[in-house]
Amino acid sequence: MRDKTHTLSRWLSATFLVVIAVFGIVLIGHAPKWPIYVTIVAWVGFVFYLANRK
């Protein structure tokens, strides 16, 4: 249980960093808003899938 929680917290930390990186790329590139929302939703879904797979 403890290992799973620790792994989940690490995934959430990694997700937070990725989201910030994506925001930075979008702001620098002045891209449309929709790709960032798609990226966030897809990444969060992927993280929860990995967390709940075991």
PDB file of N, CA and C in Angstrom:
ATOM      1  N   MET A   1       0.846  -1.203   0.000  1.00  0.00           N
ATOM      2  CA  MET A   1       0.000   0.000   0.000  1.00  0.00           C
ATOM      3  C   MET A   1       0.879   1.250   0.000  1.00  0.00           C
ATOM      4  N   ARG A   2       1.883   1.232   0.875  1.00  0.00           N
ATOM      5  CA  ARG A   2       2.773   2.385   0.973  1.00  0.00           C
ATOM      6  C   ARG A   2       3.545   2.591  -0.327  1.00  0.00           C
ATOM      7  N   ASP A   3       4.010   1.481  -0.926  1.00  0.00           N
ATOM      8  CA  ASP A   3       4.758   1.593  -2.178  1.00  0.00           C
ATOM      9  C   ASP A   3       3.877   2.165  -3.284  1.00  0.00           C
ATOM     10  N   LYS A   4       2.626   1.718  -3.329  1.00  0.00           N
ATOM     11  CA  LYS A   4       1.713   2.202  -4.367  1.00  0.00           C
ATOM     12  C   LYS A   4       1.462   3.702  -4.196  1.00  0.00           C
ATOM     13  N   THR A   5       1.274   4.132  -2.946  1.00  0.00           N
ATOM     14  CA  THR A   5       1.047   5.555  -2.688  1.00  0.00           C
ATOM     15  C   THR A   5       2.271   6.365  -3.078  1.00  0.00           C
ATOM     16  N   HIS A   6       3.451   5.847  -2.741  1.00  0.00           N
ATOM     17  CA  HIS A   6       4.688   6.541  -3.074  1.00  0.00           C
ATOM     18  C   HIS A   6       4.847   6.643  -4.588  1.00  0.00           C
ATOM     19  N   THR A   7       4.549   5.557  -5.281  1.00  0.00           N
ATOM     20  CA  THR A   7       4.644   5.561  -6.744  1.00  0.00           C
ATOM     21  C   THR A   7       3.659   6.560  -7.337  1.00  0.00           C
ATOM     22  N   LEU A   8       2.452   6.604  -6.793  1.00  0.00           N
ATOM     23  CA  LEU A   8       1.436   7.534  -7.286  1.00  0.00           C
ATOM     24  C   LEU A   8       1.890   8.976  -7.091  1.00  0.00           C
ATOM     25  N   SER A   9       2.485   9.272  -5.928  1.00  0.00           N
ATOM     26  CA  SER A   9       2.954  10.633  -5.672  1.00  0.00           C
ATOM     27  C   SER A   9       4.069  11.009  -6.642  1.00  0.00           C
ATOM     28  N   ARG A  10       4.920  10.033  -6.982  1.00  0.00           N
ATOM     29  CA  ARG A  10       5.983  10.300  -7.953  1.00  0.00           C
ATOM     30  C   ARG A  10       5.390  10.570  -9.327  1.00  0.00           C
ATOM     31  N   TRP A  11       4.362   9.795  -9.705  1.00  0.00           N
ATOM     32  CA  TRP A  11       3.690  10.010 -10.994  1.00  0.00           C
ATOM     33  C   TRP A  11       3.042  11.380 -11.034  1.00  0.00           C
ATOM     34  N   LEU A  12       2.404  11.781  -9.926  1.00  0.00           N
ATOM     35  CA  LEU A  12       1.758  13.092  -9.886  1.00  0.00           C
ATOM     36  C   LEU A  12       2.794  14.205 -10.000  1.00  0.00           C
ATOM     37  N   SER A  13       3.943  14.027  -9.354  1.00  0.00           N
ATOM     38  CA  SER A  13       5.011  15.023  -9.453  1.00  0.00           C
ATOM     39  C   SER A  13       5.508  15.133 -10.888  1.00  0.00           C
ATOM     40  N   ALA A  14       5.706  13.990 -11.532  1.00  0.00           N
ATOM     41  CA  ALA A  14       6.159  13.981 -12.926  1.00  0.00           C
ATOM     42  C   ALA A  14       5.112  14.634 -13.821  1.00  0.00           C
ATOM     43  N   THR A  15       3.844  14.341 -13.557  1.00  0.00           N
ATOM     44  CA  THR A  15       2.758  14.929 -14.347  1.00  0.00           C
ATOM     45  C   THR A  15       2.757  16.444 -14.214  1.00  0.00           C
ATOM     46  N   PHE A  16       2.962  16.930 -12.983  1.00  0.00           N
ATOM     47  CA  PHE A  16       2.993  18.373 -12.734  1.00  0.00           C
ATOM     48  C   PHE A  16       4.101  19.029 -13.550  1.00  0.00           C
ATOM     49  N   LEU A  17       5.281  18.409 -13.571  1.00  0.00           N
ATOM     50  CA  LEU A  17       6.402  18.947 -14.344  1.00  0.00           C
ATOM     51  C   LEU A  17       6.088  18.949 -15.833  1.00  0.00           C
ATOM     52  N   VAL A  18       5.481  17.870 -16.309  1.00  0.00           N
ATOM     53  CA  VAL A  18       5.139  17.778 -17.735  1.00  0.00           C
ATOM     54  C   VAL A  18       4.119  18.853 -18.110  1.00  0.00           C
ATOM     55  N   VAL A  19       3.127  19.050 -17.258  1.00  0.00           N
ATOM     56  CA  VAL A  19       2.104  20.068 -17.538  1.00  0.00           C
ATOM     57  C   VAL A  19       2.737  21.451 -17.636  1.00  0.00           C
ATOM     58  N   ILE A  20       3.650  21.766 -16.701  1.00  0.00           N
ATOM     59  CA  ILE A  20       4.334  23.061 -16.744  1.00  0.00           C
ATOM     60  C   ILE A  20       5.150  23.189 -18.025  1.00  0.00           C
ATOM     61  N   ALA A  21       5.843  22.110 -18.395  1.00  0.00           N
ATOM     62  CA  ALA A  21       6.647  22.135 -19.620  1.00  0.00           C
ATOM     63  C   ALA A  21       5.762  22.380 -20.840  1.00  0.00           C
ATOM     64  N   VAL A  22       4.616  21.695 -20.892  1.00  0.00           N
ATOM     65  CA  VAL A  22       3.692  21.868 -22.021  1.00  0.00           C
ATOM     66  C   VAL A  22       3.154  23.294 -22.052  1.00  0.00           C
ATOM     67  N   PHE A  23       2.797  23.828 -20.887  1.00  0.00           N
ATOM     68  CA  PHE A  23       2.333  25.219 -20.830  1.00  0.00           C
ATOM     69  C   PHE A  23       3.397  26.154 -21.380  1.00  0.00           C
ATOM     70  N   GLY A  24       4.660  25.938 -20.977  1.00  0.00           N
ATOM     71  CA  GLY A  24       5.753  26.781 -21.458  1.00  0.00           C
ATOM     72  C   GLY A  24       5.900  26.714 -22.969  1.00  0.00           C
ATOM     73  N   ILE A  25       5.835  25.508 -23.516  1.00  0.00           N
ATOM     74  CA  ILE A  25       5.972  25.326 -24.966  1.00  0.00           C
ATOM     75  C   ILE A  25       4.833  26.030 -25.696  1.00  0.00           C
ATOM     76  N   VAL A  26       3.617  25.876 -25.180  1.00  0.00           N
ATOM     77  CA  VAL A  26       2.458  26.497 -25.829  1.00  0.00           C
ATOM     78  C   VAL A  26       2.556  28.020 -25.776  1.00  0.00           C
ATOM     79  N   LEU A  27       2.954  28.549 -24.619  1.00  0.00           N
ATOM     80  CA  LEU A  27       3.057  30.006 -24.492  1.00  0.00           C
ATOM     81  C   LEU A  27       4.139  30.559 -25.411  1.00  0.00           C
ATOM     82  N   ILE A  28       5.275  29.855 -25.496  1.00  0.00           N
ATOM     83  CA  ILE A  28       6.370  30.310 -26.355  1.00  0.00           C
ATOM     84  C   ILE A  28       5.955  30.256 -27.821  1.00  0.00           C
ATOM     85  N   GLY A  29       5.249  29.184 -28.194  1.00  0.00           N
ATOM     86  CA  GLY A  29       4.886  28.992 -29.594  1.00  0.00           C
ATOM     87  C   GLY A  29       3.601  29.697 -30.005  1.00  0.00           C
ATOM     88  N   HIS A  30       2.880  30.296 -29.016  1.00  0.00           N
ATOM     89  CA  HIS A  30       1.603  30.952 -29.313  1.00  0.00           C
ATOM     90  C   HIS A  30       0.670  30.013 -30.076  1.00  0.00           C
ATOM     91  N   ALA A  31       0.660  28.751 -29.663  1.00  0.00           N
ATOM     92  CA  ALA A  31      -0.171  27.754 -30.338  1.00  0.00           C
ATOM     93  C   ALA A  31      -1.626  27.909 -29.888  1.00  0.00           C
ATOM     94  N   PRO A  32      -2.555  27.294 -30.632  1.00  0.00           N
ATOM     95  CA  PRO A  32      -3.961  27.294 -30.198  1.00  0.00           C
ATOM     96  C   PRO A  32      -4.107  26.634 -28.831  1.00  0.00           C
ATOM     97  N   LYS A  33      -5.186  26.941 -28.153  1.00  0.00           N
ATOM     98  CA  LYS A  33      -5.370  26.453 -26.789  1.00  0.00           C
ATOM     99  C   LYS A  33      -5.733  24.971 -26.725  1.00  0.00           C
ATOM    100  N   TRP A  34      -6.406  24.432 -27.729  1.00  0.00           N
ATOM    101  CA  TRP A  34      -6.933  23.071 -27.586  1.00  0.00           C
ATOM    102  C   TRP A  34      -5.882  21.983 -27.428  1.00  0.00           C
ATOM    103  N   PRO A  35      -4.673  22.068 -28.052  1.00  0.00           N
ATOM    104  CA  PRO A  35      -3.722  20.956 -27.870  1.00  0.00           C
ATOM    105  C   PRO A  35      -3.305  20.763 -26.418  1.00  0.00           C
ATOM    106  N   ILE A  36      -3.203  21.842 -25.657  1.00  0.00           N
ATOM    107  CA  ILE A  36      -2.765  21.696 -24.269  1.00  0.00           C
ATOM    108  C   ILE A  36      -3.828  20.977 -23.448  1.00  0.00           C
ATOM    109  N   TYR A  37      -5.103  21.259 -23.709  1.00  0.00           N
ATOM    110  CA  TYR A  37      -6.159  20.566 -22.976  1.00  0.00           C
ATOM    111  C   TYR A  37      -6.177  19.085 -23.330  1.00  0.00           C
ATOM    112  N   VAL A  38      -5.999  18.779 -24.603  1.00  0.00           N
ATOM    113  CA  VAL A  38      -5.954  17.379 -25.036  1.00  0.00           C
ATOM    114  C   VAL A  38      -4.780  16.665 -24.379  1.00  0.00           C
ATOM    115  N   THR A  39      -3.624  17.336 -24.336  1.00  0.00           N
ATOM    116  CA  THR A  39      -2.428  16.747 -23.735  1.00  0.00           C
ATOM    117  C   THR A  39      -2.633  16.485 -22.248  1.00  0.00           C
ATOM    118  N   ILE A  40      -3.192  17.456 -21.544  1.00  0.00           N
ATOM    119  CA  ILE A  40      -3.407  17.297 -20.102  1.00  0.00           C
ATOM    120  C   ILE A  40      -4.368  16.144 -19.823  1.00  0.00           C
ATOM    121  N   VAL A  41      -5.487  16.125 -20.530  1.00  0.00           N
ATOM    122  CA  VAL A  41      -6.483  15.073 -20.297  1.00  0.00           C
ATOM    123  C   VAL A  41      -5.901  13.700 -20.609  1.00  0.00           C
ATOM    124  N   ALA A  42      -5.178  13.602 -21.724  1.00  0.00           N
ATOM    125  CA  ALA A  42      -4.592  12.321 -22.118  1.00  0.00           C
ATOM    126  C   ALA A  42      -3.550  11.866 -21.100  1.00  0.00           C
ATOM    127  N   TRP A  43      -2.698  12.784 -20.641  1.00  0.00           N
ATOM    128  CA  TRP A  43      -1.629  12.419 -19.708  1.00  0.00           C
ATOM    129  C   TRP A  43      -2.201  12.013 -18.357  1.00  0.00           C
ATOM    130  N   VAL A  44      -3.176  12.782 -17.863  1.00  0.00           N
ATOM    131  CA  VAL A  44      -3.790  12.442 -16.575  1.00  0.00           C
ATOM    132  C   VAL A  44      -4.477  11.080 -16.656  1.00  0.00           C
ATOM    133  N   GLY A  45      -5.178  10.834 -17.761  1.00  0.00           N
ATOM    134  CA  GLY A  45      -5.825   9.541 -17.936  1.00  0.00           C
ATOM    135  C   GLY A  45      -4.812   8.408 -17.962  1.00  0.00           C
ATOM    136  N   PHE A  46      -3.687   8.644 -18.628  1.00  0.00           N
ATOM    137  CA  PHE A  46      -2.630   7.639 -18.717  1.00  0.00           C
ATOM    138  C   PHE A  46      -2.032   7.355 -17.347  1.00  0.00           C
ATOM    139  N   VAL A  47      -1.809   8.407 -16.565  1.00  0.00           N
ATOM    140  CA  VAL A  47      -1.242   8.240 -15.224  1.00  0.00           C
ATOM    141  C   VAL A  47      -2.192   7.441 -14.333  1.00  0.00           C
ATOM    142  N   PHE A  48      -3.477   7.778 -14.367  1.00  0.00           N
ATOM    143  CA  PHE A  48      -4.433   7.040 -13.545  1.00  0.00           C
ATOM    144  C   PHE A  48      -4.555   5.594 -14.008  1.00  0.00           C
ATOM    145  N   TYR A  49      -4.426   5.367 -15.310  1.00  0.00           N
ATOM    146  CA  TYR A  49      -4.456   4.005 -15.832  1.00  0.00           C
ATOM    147  C   TYR A  49      -3.287   3.198 -15.268  1.00  0.00           C
ATOM    148  N   LEU A  50      -2.096   3.784 -15.273  1.00  0.00           N
ATOM    149  CA  LEU A  50      -0.926   3.085 -14.739  1.00  0.00           C
ATOM    150  C   LEU A  50      -1.069   2.865 -13.233  1.00  0.00           C
ATOM    151  N   ALA A  51      -1.606   3.856 -12.532  1.00  0.00           N
ATOM    152  CA  ALA A  51      -1.732   3.760 -11.079  1.00  0.00           C
ATOM    153  C   ALA A  51      -2.731   2.677 -10.678  1.00  0.00           C
ATOM    154  N   ASN A  52      -3.769   2.500 -11.475  1.00  0.00           N
ATOM    155  CA  ASN A  52      -4.834   1.551 -11.120  1.00  0.00           C
ATOM    156  C   ASN A  52      -4.680   0.193 -11.791  1.00  0.00           C
ATOM    157  N   ARG A  53      -3.624   0.031 -12.582  1.00  0.00           N
ATOM    158  CA  ARG A  53      -3.462  -1.198 -13.354  1.00  0.00           C
ATOM    159  C   ARG A  53      -3.124  -2.384 -12.474  1.00  0.00           C
ATOM    160  N   LYS A  54      -2.332  -2.163 -11.420  1.00  0.00           N
ATOM    161  CA  LYS A  54      -1.877  -3.284 -10.591  1.00  0.00           C
ATOM    162  C   LYS A  54      -3.000  -3.813  -9.697  1.00  0.00           C
TER     163      LYS A  54
END
